[in-house]
């Protein structure tokens, strides 16, 4: 199990298309886009050995009225090659669906938004106080060690918004472990729908959530880092992100296996620390409430839609299903 609160926040980020987060206000539910090739991602490590002694059946929910059917499918945006997650029921839904909806995409960003707003938001800033200077000496030493182990240039890493530095570490570790977006659910589905000439839409636009995430009080993250570094031995990325250096491929990808089996986590994605609760609100609660509105409005148009979004949005007390129930709608699991 991934060990620290900051890693849980990174995991939530990984439940979004890489390079794209989301926002608090959905687009028009009928606006569509053409699937475009996503930005290149870090080269993954050699493929891990995946052993599955079960038939895959990731959770699928159905939301419907008299002339509209919406299938809700929780995804992993990056996966280890060789993990089988499809089955005949899901393949039939893909064939049935008129349209694919994902969270958001780099394709939703205009060139001006990318160069004038997003890149400046995420870039290291010479006016920014280095994160290492905001940490205790003991924690600052481990902050540097973490960058060194990750192969990130420390000066740039230290002057990034610290929350983005943490996310970069989480994404980098996932790739080092052997996962890749090349076999992520959305990558596969977008290619299939594009080849079939079916429209692909987004439930959100990407830029505002960057602002929302960066608006979180950095002091709560600094406090989280102090706590997490106090528990880390400083020896390896494995002991930081997993908790032990003795993890097998199967245990390293335990959450991916649980998802592929169709297990529904009973626990909340985030813990009770101020930082994790802030992330819960920005990445899950606010977005899921907005998505429930989007889905409610989408029922006004006929057709069959496959909505494929991060699996974390369907677990916990602020799940999409619960937000739909607050609107008098019921999403029924069908597998």
C-alpha atoms as a PDB file:
ATOM      1  CA  UNK A   1       0.000   0.000   0.000  1.00  0.00           C
ATOM      2  CA  UNK A   2       1.244   3.485  -0.763  1.00  0.00           C
ATOM      3  CA  UNK A   3       2.268   4.980   2.494  1.00  0.00           C
ATOM      4  CA  UNK A   4       2.077   8.744   2.752  1.00  0.00           C
ATOM      5  CA  UNK A   5      -0.635  11.338   2.449  1.00  0.00           C
ATOM      6  CA  UNK A   6       1.231  13.203  -0.265  1.00  0.00           C
ATOM      7  CA  UNK A   7       1.377  10.016  -2.325  1.00  0.00           C
ATOM      8  CA  UNK A   8      -2.382   9.587  -1.987  1.00  0.00           C
ATOM      9  CA  UNK A   9      -2.737  13.068  -3.439  1.00  0.00           C
ATOM     10  CA  UNK A  10      -0.470  12.063  -6.294  1.00  0.00           C
ATOM     11  CA  UNK A  11      -2.551   8.945  -6.842  1.00  0.00           C
ATOM     12  CA  UNK A  12      -5.650  11.094  -7.193  1.00  0.00           C
ATOM     13  CA  UNK A  13      -3.857  13.112  -9.815  1.00  0.00           C
ATOM     14  CA  UNK A  14      -3.014   9.918 -11.658  1.00  0.00           C
ATOM     15  CA  UNK A  15      -6.745   9.223 -11.878  1.00  0.00           C
ATOM     16  CA  UNK A  16      -6.826  12.067 -14.399  1.00  0.00           C
ATOM     17  CA  UNK A  17      -5.440  12.127 -17.925  1.00  0.00           C
ATOM     18  CA  UNK A  18      -1.757  12.861 -17.518  1.00  0.00           C
ATOM     19  CA  UNK A  19      -0.916  16.446 -18.251  1.00  0.00           C
ATOM     20  CA  UNK A  20      -4.510  17.491 -17.765  1.00  0.00           C
ATOM     21  CA  UNK A  21      -6.425  18.103 -14.597  1.00  0.00           C
ATOM     22  CA  UNK A  22      -9.984  19.328 -14.436  1.00  0.00           C
ATOM     23  CA  UNK A  23     -12.177  22.133 -13.282  1.00  0.00           C
ATOM     24  CA  UNK A  24     -15.117  22.953 -11.120  1.00  0.00           C
ATOM     25  CA  UNK A  25     -17.509  23.785 -13.959  1.00  0.00           C
ATOM     26  CA  UNK A  26     -18.281  21.294 -16.730  1.00  0.00           C
ATOM     27  CA  UNK A  27     -18.512  22.208 -20.350  1.00  0.00           C
ATOM     28  CA  UNK A  28     -21.769  22.147 -22.239  1.00  0.00           C
ATOM     29  CA  UNK A  29     -22.757  18.472 -22.092  1.00  0.00           C
ATOM     30  CA  UNK A  30     -23.272  18.328 -25.848  1.00  0.00           C
ATOM     31  CA  UNK A  31     -19.926  19.848 -26.858  1.00  0.00           C
ATOM     32  CA  UNK A  32     -17.623  17.337 -28.494  1.00  0.00           C
ATOM     33  CA  UNK A  33     -14.055  17.224 -29.656  1.00  0.00           C
ATOM     34  CA  UNK A  34     -11.988  15.102 -31.977  1.00  0.00           C
ATOM     35  CA  UNK A  35      -9.526  12.812 -30.191  1.00  0.00           C
ATOM     36  CA  UNK A  36      -5.980  14.145 -30.454  1.00  0.00           C
ATOM     37  CA  UNK A  37      -2.674  12.579 -29.597  1.00  0.00           C
ATOM     38  CA  UNK A  38      -1.703  13.382 -26.018  1.00  0.00           C
ATOM     39  CA  UNK A  39       1.645  14.820 -24.994  1.00  0.00           C
ATOM     40  CA  UNK A  40       4.471  12.322 -24.762  1.00  0.00           C
ATOM     41  CA  UNK A  41       5.046  10.769 -21.354  1.00  0.00           C
ATOM     42  CA  UNK A  42       8.142   9.507 -19.554  1.00  0.00           C
ATOM     43  CA  UNK A  43       9.511   6.240 -20.870  1.00  0.00           C
ATOM     44  CA  UNK A  44       8.319   3.419 -18.623  1.00  0.00           C
ATOM     45  CA  UNK A  45      10.525   0.794 -17.046  1.00  0.00           C
ATOM     46  CA  UNK A  46      10.587  -2.741 -18.461  1.00  0.00           C
ATOM     47  CA  UNK A  47       7.148  -4.295 -18.246  1.00  0.00           C
ATOM     48  CA  UNK A  48       6.487  -6.021 -14.923  1.00  0.00           C
ATOM     49  CA  UNK A  49       5.288  -9.599 -14.752  1.00  0.00           C
ATOM     50  CA  UNK A  50       1.521  -9.533 -14.222  1.00  0.00           C
ATOM     51  CA  UNK A  51      -0.228 -12.646 -12.927  1.00  0.00           C
ATOM     52  CA  UNK A  52      -4.037 -12.694 -12.866  1.00  0.00           C
ATOM     53  CA  UNK A  53      -5.931 -15.621 -11.366  1.00  0.00           C
ATOM     54  CA  UNK A  54      -9.328 -13.996 -11.890  1.00  0.00           C
ATOM     55  CA  UNK A  55     -11.627 -12.933 -14.689  1.00  0.00           C
ATOM     56  CA  UNK A  56     -11.576  -9.141 -15.029  1.00  0.00           C
ATOM     57  CA  UNK A  57     -14.778  -7.226 -14.337  1.00  0.00           C
ATOM     58  CA  UNK A  58     -14.057  -3.592 -13.445  1.00  0.00           C
ATOM     59  CA  UNK A  59     -17.122  -1.881 -12.032  1.00  0.00           C
ATOM     60  CA  UNK A  60     -19.694  -0.466 -14.456  1.00  0.00           C
ATOM     61  CA  UNK A  61     -22.770   1.539 -13.481  1.00  0.00           C
ATOM     62  CA  UNK A  62     -25.812   2.341 -15.599  1.00  0.00           C
ATOM     63  CA  UNK A  63     -27.744   5.600 -15.428  1.00  0.00           C
ATOM     64  CA  UNK A  64     -30.768   5.723 -17.708  1.00  0.00           C
ATOM     65  CA  UNK A  65     -34.154   7.165 -18.517  1.00  0.00           C
ATOM     66  CA  UNK A  66     -36.630   6.286 -21.255  1.00  0.00           C
ATOM     67  CA  UNK A  67     -34.387   7.276 -24.188  1.00  0.00           C
ATOM     68  CA  UNK A  68     -30.875   7.719 -22.770  1.00  0.00           C
ATOM     69  CA  UNK A  69     -28.394   5.234 -21.353  1.00  0.00           C
ATOM     70  CA  UNK A  70     -25.171   6.384 -19.715  1.00  0.00           C
ATOM     71  CA  UNK A  71     -22.601   3.787 -18.698  1.00  0.00           C
ATOM     72  CA  UNK A  72     -20.209   4.942 -15.981  1.00  0.00           C
ATOM     73  CA  UNK A  73     -16.847   3.198 -16.042  1.00  0.00           C
ATOM     74  CA  UNK A  74     -14.064   3.867 -13.548  1.00  0.00           C
ATOM     75  CA  UNK A  75     -10.634   3.862 -15.158  1.00  0.00           C
ATOM     76  CA  UNK A  76      -6.908   3.865 -14.557  1.00  0.00           C
ATOM     77  CA  UNK A  77      -5.151   6.361 -16.801  1.00  0.00           C
ATOM     78  CA  UNK A  78      -1.862   4.517 -16.600  1.00  0.00           C
ATOM     79  CA  UNK A  79      -1.488   0.763 -16.210  1.00  0.00           C
ATOM     80  CA  UNK A  80       1.212  -1.891 -16.276  1.00  0.00           C
ATOM     81  CA  UNK A  81       1.365  -3.615 -19.670  1.00  0.00           C
ATOM     82  CA  UNK A  82      -0.179  -7.050 -19.572  1.00  0.00           C
ATOM     83  CA  UNK A  83      -2.913  -6.292 -17.052  1.00  0.00           C
ATOM     84  CA  UNK A  84      -6.152  -7.580 -18.597  1.00  0.00           C
ATOM     85  CA  UNK A  85      -9.187  -5.472 -17.707  1.00  0.00           C
ATOM     86  CA  UNK A  86     -11.653  -6.046 -20.553  1.00  0.00           C
ATOM     87  CA  UNK A  87     -14.378  -8.659 -20.820  1.00  0.00           C
ATOM     88  CA  UNK A  88     -17.221  -9.421 -23.274  1.00  0.00           C
ATOM     89  CA  UNK A  89     -19.736  -7.319 -21.340  1.00  0.00           C
ATOM     90  CA  UNK A  90     -17.535  -4.244 -21.547  1.00  0.00           C
ATOM     91  CA  UNK A  91     -16.727  -4.842 -25.210  1.00  0.00           C
ATOM     92  CA  UNK A  92     -20.458  -4.998 -25.946  1.00  0.00           C
ATOM     93  CA  UNK A  93     -20.937  -1.637 -24.221  1.00  0.00           C
ATOM     94  CA  UNK A  94     -18.168  -0.117 -26.344  1.00  0.00           C
ATOM     95  CA  UNK A  95     -19.948  -1.360 -29.455  1.00  0.00           C
ATOM     96  CA  UNK A  96     -23.311  -0.081 -28.214  1.00  0.00           C
ATOM     97  CA  UNK A  97     -22.128   3.389 -27.228  1.00  0.00           C
ATOM     98  CA  UNK A  98     -22.685   6.260 -29.636  1.00  0.00           C
ATOM     99  CA  UNK A  99     -20.207   8.519 -27.864  1.00  0.00           C
ATOM    100  CA  UNK A 100     -17.264   8.405 -25.456  1.00  0.00           C
ATOM    101  CA  UNK A 101     -16.869  10.964 -22.677  1.00  0.00           C
ATOM    102  CA  UNK A 102     -13.591  11.297 -20.772  1.00  0.00           C
ATOM    103  CA  UNK A 103     -12.532  13.770 -18.110  1.00  0.00           C
ATOM    104  CA  UNK A 104     -10.487  16.261 -20.082  1.00  0.00           C
ATOM    105  CA  UNK A 105      -7.603  16.369 -22.491  1.00  0.00           C
ATOM    106  CA  UNK A 106      -4.677  18.440 -23.640  1.00  0.00           C
ATOM    107  CA  UNK A 107      -6.768  18.847 -26.780  1.00  0.00           C
ATOM    108  CA  UNK A 108      -9.115  21.032 -24.728  1.00  0.00           C
ATOM    109  CA  UNK A 109      -6.345  23.592 -24.144  1.00  0.00           C
ATOM    110  CA  UNK A 110      -5.857  26.336 -26.689  1.00  0.00           C
ATOM    111  CA  UNK A 111      -2.318  27.326 -27.581  1.00  0.00           C
ATOM    112  CA  UNK A 112      -2.762  30.622 -25.725  1.00  0.00           C
ATOM    113  CA  UNK A 113      -4.040  28.862 -22.596  1.00  0.00           C
ATOM    114  CA  UNK A 114      -1.096  26.497 -22.709  1.00  0.00           C
ATOM    115  CA  UNK A 115       1.648  29.066 -23.242  1.00  0.00           C
ATOM    116  CA  UNK A 116       0.219  32.082 -21.431  1.00  0.00           C
ATOM    117  CA  UNK A 117      -1.550  30.475 -18.471  1.00  0.00           C
ATOM    118  CA  UNK A 118      -0.707  26.840 -17.820  1.00  0.00           C
ATOM    119  CA  UNK A 119       3.051  26.796 -18.324  1.00  0.00           C
ATOM    120  CA  UNK A 120       3.624  29.907 -16.164  1.00  0.00           C
ATOM    121  CA  UNK A 121       1.465  28.367 -13.427  1.00  0.00           C
ATOM    122  CA  UNK A 122       3.559  25.214 -13.282  1.00  0.00           C
ATOM    123  CA  UNK A 123       7.034  26.535 -14.036  1.00  0.00           C
ATOM    124  CA  UNK A 124       9.748  27.043 -11.432  1.00  0.00           C
ATOM    125  CA  UNK A 125       9.796  30.683 -10.360  1.00  0.00           C
ATOM    126  CA  UNK A 126      12.848  32.715  -9.409  1.00  0.00           C
ATOM    127  CA  UNK A 127      10.669  34.745  -7.039  1.00  0.00           C
ATOM    128  CA  UNK A 128       9.361  31.629  -5.297  1.00  0.00           C
ATOM    129  CA  UNK A 129      10.902  30.723  -1.961  1.00  0.00           C
ATOM    130  CA  UNK A 130      12.563  27.330  -2.448  1.00  0.00           C
ATOM    131  CA  UNK A 131      10.599  24.580  -0.766  1.00  0.00           C
ATOM    132  CA  UNK A 132      13.735  23.380   1.004  1.00  0.00           C
ATOM    133  CA  UNK A 133      13.911  26.716   2.841  1.00  0.00           C
ATOM    134  CA  UNK A 134      10.363  26.249   4.127  1.00  0.00           C
ATOM    135  CA  UNK A 135      11.105  22.831   5.627  1.00  0.00           C
ATOM    136  CA  UNK A 136      12.984  21.939   8.778  1.00  0.00           C
ATOM    137  CA  UNK A 137      16.646  21.043   8.173  1.00  0.00           C
ATOM    138  CA  UNK A 138      15.873  17.349   8.591  1.00  0.00           C
ATOM    139  CA  UNK A 139      12.954  17.431   6.170  1.00  0.00           C
ATOM    140  CA  UNK A 140      14.860  19.628   3.707  1.00  0.00           C
ATOM    141  CA  UNK A 141      17.604  17.013   3.531  1.00  0.00           C
ATOM    142  CA  UNK A 142      15.052  14.350   2.638  1.00  0.00           C
ATOM    143  CA  UNK A 143      13.410  16.691   0.104  1.00  0.00           C
ATOM    144  CA  UNK A 144      16.756  16.914  -1.678  1.00  0.00           C
ATOM    145  CA  UNK A 145      17.241  13.169  -1.361  1.00  0.00           C
ATOM    146  CA  UNK A 146      13.832  12.581  -2.918  1.00  0.00           C
ATOM    147  CA  UNK A 147      14.726  14.736  -5.914  1.00  0.00           C
ATOM    148  CA  UNK A 148      18.083  12.993  -6.296  1.00  0.00           C
ATOM    149  CA  UNK A 149      16.521   9.530  -6.191  1.00  0.00           C
ATOM    150  CA  UNK A 150      13.969  10.628  -8.788  1.00  0.00           C
ATOM    151  CA  UNK A 151      16.598  12.045 -11.120  1.00  0.00           C
ATOM    152  CA  UNK A 152      15.025  15.499 -11.072  1.00  0.00           C
ATOM    153  CA  UNK A 153      17.280  18.585 -11.231  1.00  0.00           C
ATOM    154  CA  UNK A 154      17.100  19.922  -7.702  1.00  0.00           C
ATOM    155  CA  UNK A 155      17.170  23.661  -8.399  1.00  0.00           C
ATOM    156  CA  UNK A 156      14.135  23.489 -10.689  1.00  0.00           C
ATOM    157  CA  UNK A 157      12.403  20.918  -8.485  1.00  0.00           C
ATOM    158  CA  UNK A 158      12.927  23.095  -5.408  1.00  0.00           C
ATOM    159  CA  UNK A 159      11.398  26.167  -7.051  1.00  0.00           C
ATOM    160  CA  UNK A 160       8.356  24.470  -8.543  1.00  0.00           C
ATOM    161  CA  UNK A 161       5.049  24.916  -6.756  1.00  0.00           C
ATOM    162  CA  UNK A 162       5.568  22.193  -4.140  1.00  0.00           C
ATOM    163  CA  UNK A 163       2.291  20.476  -4.872  1.00  0.00           C
ATOM    164  CA  UNK A 164       3.296  20.079  -8.523  1.00  0.00           C
ATOM    165  CA  UNK A 165       6.702  18.781  -7.474  1.00  0.00           C
ATOM    166  CA  UNK A 166       4.944  16.136  -5.375  1.00  0.00           C
ATOM    167  CA  UNK A 167       2.694  15.193  -8.282  1.00  0.00           C
ATOM    168  CA  UNK A 168       5.707  14.928 -10.604  1.00  0.00           C
ATOM    169  CA  UNK A 169       7.315  12.529  -8.145  1.00  0.00           C
ATOM    170  CA  UNK A 170       4.198  10.368  -7.967  1.00  0.00           C
ATOM    171  CA  UNK A 171       3.827  10.194 -11.737  1.00  0.00           C
ATOM    172  CA  UNK A 172       7.517   9.498 -12.190  1.00  0.00           C
ATOM    173  CA  UNK A 173       7.432   6.672  -9.667  1.00  0.00           C
ATOM    174  CA  UNK A 174       4.444   5.078 -11.405  1.00  0.00           C
ATOM    175  CA  UNK A 175       6.370   5.058 -14.684  1.00  0.00           C
ATOM    176  CA  UNK A 176       9.488   3.732 -12.998  1.00  0.00           C
ATOM    177  CA  UNK A 177       7.377   0.894 -11.594  1.00  0.00           C
ATOM    178  CA  UNK A 178       6.435  -0.083 -15.140  1.00  0.00           C
ATOM    179  CA  UNK A 179       3.080   1.602 -15.731  1.00  0.00           C
ATOM    180  CA  UNK A 180       2.447   3.636 -18.852  1.00  0.00           C
ATOM    181  CA  UNK A 181      -0.301   5.749 -20.343  1.00  0.00           C
ATOM    182  CA  UNK A 182       0.187   3.849 -23.616  1.00  0.00           C
ATOM    183  CA  UNK A 183      -2.032   1.089 -22.217  1.00  0.00           C
ATOM    184  CA  UNK A 184      -4.160   3.309 -19.993  1.00  0.00           C
ATOM    185  CA  UNK A 185      -7.900   2.893 -20.356  1.00  0.00           C
ATOM    186  CA  UNK A 186      -8.571   6.259 -21.976  1.00  0.00           C
ATOM    187  CA  UNK A 187      -5.710   5.872 -24.435  1.00  0.00           C
ATOM    188  CA  UNK A 188      -7.154   2.583 -25.638  1.00  0.00           C
ATOM    189  CA  UNK A 189     -10.768   3.735 -25.742  1.00  0.00           C
ATOM    190  CA  UNK A 190     -10.068   7.032 -27.475  1.00  0.00           C
ATOM    191  CA  UNK A 191      -8.161   5.223 -30.217  1.00  0.00           C
ATOM    192  CA  UNK A 192     -11.024   2.758 -30.714  1.00  0.00           C
ATOM    193  CA  UNK A 193     -13.737   5.411 -30.811  1.00  0.00           C
ATOM    194  CA  UNK A 194     -11.687   7.585 -33.160  1.00  0.00           C
ATOM    195  CA  UNK A 195     -11.115   4.642 -35.502  1.00  0.00           C
ATOM    196  CA  UNK A 196     -14.840   3.890 -35.447  1.00  0.00           C
ATOM    197  CA  UNK A 197     -15.645   7.513 -36.273  1.00  0.00           C
ATOM    198  CA  UNK A 198     -17.560   7.972 -33.024  1.00  0.00           C
ATOM    199  CA  UNK A 199     -17.441  11.333 -31.233  1.00  0.00           C
ATOM    200  CA  UNK A 200     -15.287  11.808 -28.140  1.00  0.00           C
ATOM    201  CA  UNK A 201     -16.189  14.492 -25.634  1.00  0.00           C
ATOM    202  CA  UNK A 202     -14.884  15.891 -22.368  1.00  0.00           C
ATOM    203  CA  UNK A 203     -16.833  16.325 -19.164  1.00  0.00           C
ATOM    204  CA  UNK A 204     -14.561  19.197 -18.062  1.00  0.00           C
ATOM    205  CA  UNK A 205     -12.052  21.718 -19.302  1.00  0.00           C
ATOM    206  CA  UNK A 206      -8.510  21.399 -17.979  1.00  0.00           C
ATOM    207  CA  UNK A 207      -7.235  24.781 -16.832  1.00  0.00           C
ATOM    208  CA  UNK A 208      -9.305  25.841 -13.789  1.00  0.00           C
ATOM    209  CA  UNK A 209      -8.435  22.834 -11.652  1.00  0.00           C
ATOM    210  CA  UNK A 210      -4.776  23.732 -11.925  1.00  0.00           C
ATOM    211  CA  UNK A 211      -5.723  27.040 -10.400  1.00  0.00           C
ATOM    212  CA  UNK A 212      -7.820  25.329  -7.744  1.00  0.00           C
ATOM    213  CA  UNK A 213      -5.053  22.910  -6.799  1.00  0.00           C
ATOM    214  CA  UNK A 214      -2.454  25.664  -6.708  1.00  0.00           C
ATOM    215  CA  UNK A 215      -4.777  27.769  -4.555  1.00  0.00           C
ATOM    216  CA  UNK A 216      -4.563  25.237  -1.715  1.00  0.00           C
ATOM    217  CA  UNK A 217      -2.687  26.716   1.233  1.00  0.00           C
ATOM    218  CA  UNK A 218       0.895  25.574   0.754  1.00  0.00           C
ATOM    219  CA  UNK A 219       1.490  25.588   4.488  1.00  0.00           C
ATOM    220  CA  UNK A 220      -0.780  22.553   4.889  1.00  0.00           C
ATOM    221  CA  UNK A 221       1.344  20.719   2.316  1.00  0.00           C
ATOM    222  CA  UNK A 222       4.548  21.752   4.062  1.00  0.00           C
ATOM    223  CA  UNK A 223       3.124  20.346   7.302  1.00  0.00           C
ATOM    224  CA  UNK A 224       2.217  17.115   5.485  1.00  0.00           C
ATOM    225  CA  UNK A 225       5.727  16.835   4.073  1.00  0.00           C
ATOM    226  CA  UNK A 226       7.222  17.289   7.530  1.00  0.00           C
ATOM    227  CA  UNK A 227       5.082  14.440   8.831  1.00  0.00           C
ATOM    228  CA  UNK A 228       5.745  12.151   5.884  1.00  0.00           C
ATOM    229  CA  UNK A 229       9.485  12.754   5.823  1.00  0.00           C
ATOM    230  CA  UNK A 230       9.678  11.987   9.539  1.00  0.00           C
ATOM    231  CA  UNK A 231       8.341   8.511   8.697  1.00  0.00           C
ATOM    232  CA  UNK A 232      10.541   7.924   5.638  1.00  0.00           C
ATOM    233  CA  UNK A 233      13.923   6.237   5.997  1.00  0.00           C
ATOM    234  CA  UNK A 234      15.341   8.212   3.068  1.00  0.00           C
ATOM    235  CA  UNK A 235      16.754   5.071   1.489  1.00  0.00           C
ATOM    236  CA  UNK A 236      14.729   4.589  -1.680  1.00  0.00           C
ATOM    237  CA  UNK A 237      11.682   5.645  -3.646  1.00  0.00           C
ATOM    238  CA  UNK A 238      10.124   2.288  -2.824  1.00  0.00           C
ATOM    239  CA  UNK A 239      10.185   2.967   0.896  1.00  0.00           C
ATOM    240  CA  UNK A 240       8.699   6.402   0.259  1.00  0.00           C
ATOM    241  CA  UNK A 241       5.920   5.437  -2.114  1.00  0.00           C
ATOM    242  CA  UNK A 242       5.233   1.824  -1.179  1.00  0.00           C
ATOM    243  CA  UNK A 243       6.599   1.399   2.323  1.00  0.00           C
ATOM    244  CA  UNK A 244       9.023  -1.476   1.666  1.00  0.00           C
ATOM    245  CA  UNK A 245      11.672  -2.491  -0.843  1.00  0.00           C
ATOM    246  CA  UNK A 246      10.384  -6.068  -0.892  1.00  0.00           C
ATOM    247  CA  UNK A 247       7.195  -5.521  -2.863  1.00  0.00           C
ATOM    248  CA  UNK A 248       6.469  -8.002  -5.667  1.00  0.00           C
ATOM    249  CA  UNK A 249       4.867  -6.916  -8.931  1.00  0.00           C
ATOM    250  CA  UNK A 250       1.532  -8.270  -7.711  1.00  0.00           C
ATOM    251  CA  UNK A 251       1.633  -6.387  -4.420  1.00  0.00           C
ATOM    252  CA  UNK A 252       3.003  -3.252  -6.076  1.00  0.00           C
ATOM    253  CA  UNK A 253      -0.048  -3.220  -8.351  1.00  0.00           C
ATOM    254  CA  UNK A 254      -2.519  -4.387  -5.708  1.00  0.00           C
ATOM    255  CA  UNK A 255      -4.883  -1.473  -6.297  1.00  0.00           C
ATOM    256  CA  UNK A 256      -4.872  -2.086 -10.052  1.00  0.00           C
ATOM    257  CA  UNK A 257      -5.698  -5.745  -9.472  1.00  0.00           C
ATOM    258  CA  UNK A 258      -8.506  -4.810  -7.070  1.00  0.00           C
ATOM    259  CA  UNK A 259      -9.916  -2.460  -9.714  1.00  0.00           C
ATOM    260  CA  UNK A 260      -9.690  -5.107 -12.435  1.00  0.00           C
ATOM    261  CA  UNK A 261     -11.461  -7.633 -10.195  1.00  0.00           C
ATOM    262  CA  UNK A 262     -14.272  -5.151  -9.653  1.00  0.00           C
ATOM    263  CA  UNK A 263     -13.698  -4.633  -5.948  1.00  0.00           C
ATOM    264  CA  UNK A 264     -15.253  -1.456  -4.583  1.00  0.00           C
ATOM    265  CA  UNK A 265     -12.977   0.163  -1.972  1.00  0.00           C
ATOM    266  CA  UNK A 266     -14.722   0.795   1.321  1.00  0.00           C
ATOM    267  CA  UNK A 267     -12.258   3.416   2.503  1.00  0.00           C
ATOM    268  CA  UNK A 268     -12.011   7.056   1.502  1.00  0.00           C
ATOM    269  CA  UNK A 269      -9.318   7.931  -1.009  1.00  0.00           C
ATOM    270  CA  UNK A 270      -7.930  10.642   1.271  1.00  0.00           C
ATOM    271  CA  UNK A 271      -7.175  10.727   4.967  1.00  0.00           C
ATOM    272  CA  UNK A 272      -8.071  13.274   7.606  1.00  0.00           C
ATOM    273  CA  UNK A 273      -5.049  15.569   7.475  1.00  0.00           C
ATOM    274  CA  UNK A 274      -5.719  19.190   6.443  1.00  0.00           C
ATOM    275  CA  UNK A 275      -3.800  18.698   3.203  1.00  0.00           C
ATOM    276  CA  UNK A 276      -5.625  15.526   2.250  1.00  0.00           C
ATOM    277  CA  UNK A 277      -8.983  17.067   3.063  1.00  0.00           C
ATOM    278  CA  UNK A 278      -8.130  20.046   0.863  1.00  0.00           C
ATOM    279  CA  UNK A 279      -7.255  17.654  -1.943  1.00  0.00           C
ATOM    280  CA  UNK A 280     -10.485  15.735  -1.361  1.00  0.00           C
ATOM    281  CA  UNK A 281     -12.486  18.903  -1.907  1.00  0.00           C
ATOM    282  CA  UNK A 282     -10.609  20.113  -4.979  1.00  0.00           C
ATOM    283  CA  UNK A 283     -10.034  16.831  -6.806  1.00  0.00           C
ATOM    284  CA  UNK A 284     -13.132  14.871  -5.829  1.00  0.00           C
ATOM    285  CA  UNK A 285     -15.990  16.568  -3.961  1.00  0.00           C
ATOM    286  CA  UNK A 286     -16.383  19.693  -6.073  1.00  0.00           C
ATOM    287  CA  UNK A 287     -15.777  17.893  -9.332  1.00  0.00           C
ATOM    288  CA  UNK A 288     -18.102  14.987  -8.593  1.00  0.00           C
ATOM    289  CA  UNK A 289     -20.905  17.387  -7.740  1.00  0.00           C
ATOM    290  CA  UNK A 290     -20.356  19.188 -11.037  1.00  0.00           C
ATOM    291  CA  UNK A 291     -20.238  15.902 -12.906  1.00  0.00           C
ATOM    292  CA  UNK A 292     -23.565  14.836 -11.406  1.00  0.00           C
ATOM    293  CA  UNK A 293     -25.104  18.000 -12.834  1.00  0.00           C
ATOM    294  CA  UNK A 294     -23.495  17.253 -16.212  1.00  0.00           C
ATOM    295  CA  UNK A 295     -24.909  13.719 -16.194  1.00  0.00           C
ATOM    296  CA  UNK A 296     -28.351  14.948 -15.165  1.00  0.00           C
ATOM    297  CA  UNK A 297     -28.385  17.370 -18.091  1.00  0.00           C
ATOM    298  CA  UNK A 298     -27.022  14.748 -20.492  1.00  0.00           C
ATOM    299  CA  UNK A 299     -30.089  12.592 -19.801  1.00  0.00           C
ATOM    300  CA  UNK A 300     -32.085  15.225 -21.683  1.00  0.00           C
ATOM    301  CA  UNK A 301     -30.522  14.088 -24.971  1.00  0.00           C
ATOM    302  CA  UNK A 302     -31.194  10.594 -26.369  1.00  0.00           C
ATOM    303  CA  UNK A 303     -28.508   8.057 -27.087  1.00  0.00           C
ATOM    304  CA  UNK A 304     -26.021   5.746 -25.426  1.00  0.00           C
ATOM    305  CA  UNK A 305     -22.924   7.237 -23.825  1.00  0.00           C
ATOM    306  CA  UNK A 306     -19.863   5.630 -22.267  1.00  0.00           C
ATOM    307  CA  UNK A 307     -18.384   7.882 -19.575  1.00  0.00           C
ATOM    308  CA  UNK A 308     -14.870   6.687 -18.718  1.00  0.00           C
ATOM    309  CA  UNK A 309     -13.334   8.632 -15.840  1.00  0.00           C
ATOM    310  CA  UNK A 310     -10.944   7.929 -12.984  1.00  0.00           C
ATOM    311  CA  UNK A 311     -12.027   5.097 -10.716  1.00  0.00           C
ATOM    312  CA  UNK A 312     -11.483   7.171  -7.587  1.00  0.00           C
ATOM    313  CA  UNK A 313     -14.526   9.242  -8.476  1.00  0.00           C
ATOM    314  CA  UNK A 314     -16.772   6.266  -7.755  1.00  0.00           C
ATOM    315  CA  UNK A 315     -15.618   5.544  -4.209  1.00  0.00           C
ATOM    316  CA  UNK A 316     -16.172   7.125  -0.826  1.00  0.00           C
ATOM    317  CA  UNK A 317     -18.706   9.455   0.708  1.00  0.00           C
ATOM    318  CA  UNK A 318     -18.435  12.059  -2.063  1.00  0.00           C
ATOM    319  CA  UNK A 319     -18.698   9.661  -4.999  1.00  0.00           C
ATOM    320  CA  UNK A 320     -20.443  10.449  -8.253  1.00  0.00           C
ATOM    321  CA  UNK A 321     -23.156   7.937  -7.332  1.00  0.00           C
ATOM    322  CA  UNK A 322     -23.892   9.764  -4.088  1.00  0.00           C
ATOM    323  CA  UNK A 323     -23.935  13.121  -5.855  1.00  0.00           C
ATOM    324  CA  UNK A 324     -26.392  11.682  -8.371  1.00  0.00           C
ATOM    325  CA  UNK A 325     -28.581  10.368  -5.542  1.00  0.00           C
ATOM    326  CA  UNK A 326     -28.727  13.889  -4.126  1.00  0.00           C
ATOM    327  CA  UNK A 327     -30.295  14.882  -7.443  1.00  0.00           C
ATOM    328  CA  UNK A 328     -32.820  12.045  -7.266  1.00  0.00           C
ATOM    329  CA  UNK A 329     -30.955   9.849  -9.770  1.00  0.00           C
ATOM    330  CA  UNK A 330     -29.756   6.282  -9.315  1.00  0.00           C
ATOM    331  CA  UNK A 331     -26.732   4.735 -10.966  1.00  0.00           C
ATOM    332  CA  UNK A 332     -27.008   0.940 -10.730  1.00  0.00           C
ATOM    333  CA  UNK A 333     -23.992  -1.316 -10.877  1.00  0.00           C
ATOM    334  CA  UNK A 334     -24.522  -3.903 -13.598  1.00  0.00           C
ATOM    335  CA  UNK A 335     -21.655  -6.328 -13.002  1.00  0.00           C
END
